[in-house]
Amino acid sequence: MFEEQELTVEQVAREMQVHKSRVYSWIQTGELPAIDIGRRGKHNYRVSRADLEEFKQSRRTDRDRD
């Protein structure tokens, strides 16, 4: 059975070469979908590989524009 890879905020930040606070901001504004596996008010986000790839595509500057 195929399991989709889930990344931590730290892994996303490293891959995107940004500070993890930037990743938290993307998640909190809804730009980057994530699931919260934390409990009792402490966030512990996971981002699917597919969602990260879609996020990266949506931010490309060389897309055809109307």
N, C-alpha and C. Protein backbone atom coordinates (compact mmCIF):
# COMPACT_ATOMS: atom_id res chain seq x y z
N MET A 1 0.84 -1.18 0.00
CA MET A 1 0.00 0.00 0.00
C MET A 1 0.89 1.25 0.00
N PHE A 2 0.53 2.24 -0.83
CA PHE A 2 1.31 3.46 -0.96
C PHE A 2 0.94 4.44 0.15
N GLU A 3 1.92 4.93 0.85
CA GLU A 3 1.70 5.98 1.84
C GLU A 3 2.37 7.25 1.36
N GLU A 4 1.62 8.32 1.38
CA GLU A 4 2.16 9.60 0.94
C GLU A 4 3.13 10.12 1.99
N GLN A 5 4.22 10.68 1.53
CA GLN A 5 5.22 11.22 2.44
C GLN A 5 4.70 12.49 3.10
N GLU A 6 4.87 12.58 4.40
CA GLU A 6 4.52 13.77 5.15
C GLU A 6 5.78 14.39 5.72
N LEU A 7 5.88 15.71 5.60
CA LEU A 7 7.07 16.44 6.00
C LEU A 7 6.79 17.30 7.22
N THR A 8 7.79 17.46 8.06
CA THR A 8 7.68 18.37 9.20
C THR A 8 7.90 19.80 8.72
N VAL A 9 7.56 20.75 9.56
CA VAL A 9 7.80 22.16 9.24
C VAL A 9 9.29 22.39 8.98
N GLU A 10 10.13 21.76 9.78
CA GLU A 10 11.57 21.91 9.62
C GLU A 10 12.04 21.37 8.26
N GLN A 11 11.49 20.24 7.84
CA GLN A 11 11.88 19.68 6.55
C GLN A 11 11.43 20.57 5.40
N VAL A 12 10.22 21.12 5.50
CA VAL A 12 9.73 22.03 4.46
C VAL A 12 10.61 23.26 4.40
N ALA A 13 10.94 23.82 5.57
CA ALA A 13 11.77 25.02 5.62
C ALA A 13 13.13 24.76 4.98
N ARG A 14 13.71 23.63 5.28
CA ARG A 14 15.02 23.29 4.70
C ARG A 14 14.92 23.17 3.18
N GLU A 15 13.90 22.47 2.71
CA GLU A 15 13.74 22.29 1.27
C GLU A 15 13.47 23.61 0.55
N MET A 16 12.68 24.48 1.17
CA MET A 16 12.34 25.75 0.55
C MET A 16 13.39 26.83 0.83
N GLN A 17 14.35 26.52 1.68
CA GLN A 17 15.42 27.44 2.05
C GLN A 17 14.88 28.74 2.65
N VAL A 18 13.96 28.55 3.62
CA VAL A 18 13.38 29.67 4.36
C VAL A 18 13.40 29.31 5.84
N HIS A 19 13.17 30.29 6.67
CA HIS A 19 13.08 30.05 8.11
C HIS A 19 11.76 29.35 8.40
N LYS A 20 11.73 28.52 9.41
CA LYS A 20 10.51 27.77 9.71
C LYS A 20 9.35 28.69 10.09
N SER A 21 9.62 29.89 10.57
CA SER A 21 8.53 30.83 10.86
C SER A 21 7.78 31.20 9.58
N ARG A 22 8.47 31.21 8.44
CA ARG A 22 7.82 31.48 7.17
C ARG A 22 6.85 30.35 6.82
N VAL A 23 7.27 29.11 7.09
CA VAL A 23 6.41 27.95 6.83
C VAL A 23 5.17 28.02 7.73
N TYR A 24 5.37 28.34 9.00
CA TYR A 24 4.23 28.49 9.91
C TYR A 24 3.27 29.56 9.38
N SER A 25 3.80 30.64 8.86
CA SER A 25 2.97 31.71 8.32
C SER A 25 2.15 31.21 7.13
N TRP A 26 2.78 30.48 6.22
CA TRP A 26 2.05 29.93 5.07
C TRP A 26 0.93 29.01 5.53
N ILE A 27 1.19 28.22 6.55
CA ILE A 27 0.19 27.29 7.08
C ILE A 27 -0.95 28.08 7.72
N GLN A 28 -0.62 29.07 8.53
CA GLN A 28 -1.64 29.82 9.26
C GLN A 28 -2.52 30.65 8.33
N THR A 29 -1.98 31.11 7.20
CA THR A 29 -2.79 31.89 6.25
C THR A 29 -3.56 30.98 5.29
N GLY A 30 -3.30 29.70 5.35
CA GLY A 30 -4.00 28.76 4.48
C GLY A 30 -3.36 28.56 3.12
N GLU A 31 -2.23 29.21 2.89
CA GLU A 31 -1.54 29.05 1.60
C GLU A 31 -0.97 27.65 1.44
N LEU A 32 -0.51 27.07 2.53
CA LEU A 32 0.09 25.74 2.51
C LEU A 32 -0.74 24.82 3.40
N PRO A 33 -1.47 23.88 2.81
CA PRO A 33 -2.27 22.96 3.62
C PRO A 33 -1.39 22.10 4.51
N ALA A 34 -1.88 21.82 5.71
CA ALA A 34 -1.15 20.97 6.65
C ALA A 34 -2.14 20.31 7.59
N ILE A 35 -1.70 19.24 8.20
CA ILE A 35 -2.50 18.63 9.26
C ILE A 35 -1.78 18.89 10.58
N ASP A 36 -2.55 19.06 11.62
CA ASP A 36 -2.00 19.35 12.94
C ASP A 36 -2.15 18.09 13.79
N ILE A 37 -1.04 17.43 14.10
CA ILE A 37 -1.09 16.22 14.91
C ILE A 37 -0.74 16.51 16.37
N GLY A 38 -0.65 17.80 16.69
CA GLY A 38 -0.34 18.20 18.07
C GLY A 38 -1.55 18.02 18.97
N ARG A 39 -1.34 18.33 20.22
CA ARG A 39 -2.45 18.24 21.18
C ARG A 39 -2.29 19.30 22.25
N ARG A 40 -3.40 19.60 22.88
CA ARG A 40 -3.45 20.57 23.98
C ARG A 40 -2.83 21.92 23.62
N GLY A 41 -3.21 22.43 22.47
CA GLY A 41 -2.78 23.75 22.07
C GLY A 41 -1.37 23.85 21.51
N LYS A 42 -0.63 22.75 21.45
CA LYS A 42 0.72 22.78 20.90
C LYS A 42 0.66 22.21 19.48
N HIS A 43 0.94 23.06 18.50
CA HIS A 43 0.86 22.64 17.11
C HIS A 43 2.04 21.75 16.74
N ASN A 44 1.75 20.77 15.94
CA ASN A 44 2.76 19.87 15.40
C ASN A 44 2.28 19.51 14.00
N TYR A 45 2.69 20.33 13.03
CA TYR A 45 2.15 20.23 11.68
C TYR A 45 2.92 19.22 10.83
N ARG A 46 2.17 18.63 9.88
CA ARG A 46 2.75 17.79 8.83
C ARG A 46 2.18 18.28 7.50
N VAL A 47 3.05 18.35 6.50
CA VAL A 47 2.67 18.80 5.17
C VAL A 47 2.90 17.64 4.21
N SER A 48 1.89 17.33 3.42
CA SER A 48 2.06 16.23 2.47
C SER A 48 2.99 16.68 1.34
N ARG A 49 3.70 15.74 0.79
CA ARG A 49 4.60 16.02 -0.34
C ARG A 49 3.79 16.60 -1.50
N ALA A 50 2.61 16.02 -1.76
CA ALA A 50 1.77 16.50 -2.86
C ALA A 50 1.35 17.96 -2.64
N ASP A 51 0.96 18.30 -1.41
CA ASP A 51 0.56 19.69 -1.12
C ASP A 51 1.74 20.64 -1.26
N LEU A 52 2.92 20.21 -0.85
CA LEU A 52 4.09 21.07 -0.99
C LEU A 52 4.41 21.29 -2.47
N GLU A 53 4.34 20.25 -3.27
CA GLU A 53 4.62 20.39 -4.71
C GLU A 53 3.59 21.31 -5.37
N GLU A 54 2.33 21.19 -4.98
CA GLU A 54 1.29 22.07 -5.52
C GLU A 54 1.53 23.51 -5.10
N PHE A 55 1.93 23.71 -3.85
CA PHE A 55 2.26 25.04 -3.34
C PHE A 55 3.40 25.65 -4.15
N LYS A 56 4.43 24.86 -4.39
CA LYS A 56 5.57 25.35 -5.17
C LYS A 56 5.14 25.73 -6.58
N GLN A 57 4.31 24.92 -7.20
CA GLN A 57 3.83 25.23 -8.56
C GLN A 57 3.01 26.51 -8.57
N SER A 58 2.20 26.71 -7.53
CA SER A 58 1.34 27.90 -7.49
C SER A 58 2.14 29.18 -7.33
N ARG A 59 3.37 29.08 -6.86
CA ARG A 59 4.19 30.26 -6.63
C ARG A 59 5.22 30.50 -7.73
N ARG A 60 5.16 29.67 -8.77
CA ARG A 60 6.10 29.86 -9.88
C ARG A 60 5.82 31.18 -10.57
N THR A 61 6.87 31.86 -10.99
CA THR A 61 6.71 33.15 -11.65
C THR A 61 6.69 33.02 -13.17
N ASP A 62 6.97 31.84 -13.70
CA ASP A 62 7.03 31.69 -15.14
C ASP A 62 5.77 31.04 -15.72
N ARG A 63 4.70 31.00 -14.94
CA ARG A 63 3.44 30.43 -15.42
C ARG A 63 2.82 31.36 -16.45
N ASP A 64 2.03 30.77 -17.33
CA ASP A 64 1.27 31.59 -18.28
C ASP A 64 0.26 32.41 -17.50
N ARG A 65 0.16 33.66 -17.81
CA ARG A 65 -0.77 34.56 -17.11
C ARG A 65 -1.74 35.14 -18.12
N ASP A 66 -2.97 35.35 -17.67
CA ASP A 66 -4.00 35.95 -18.53
C ASP A 66 -3.88 37.45 -18.54
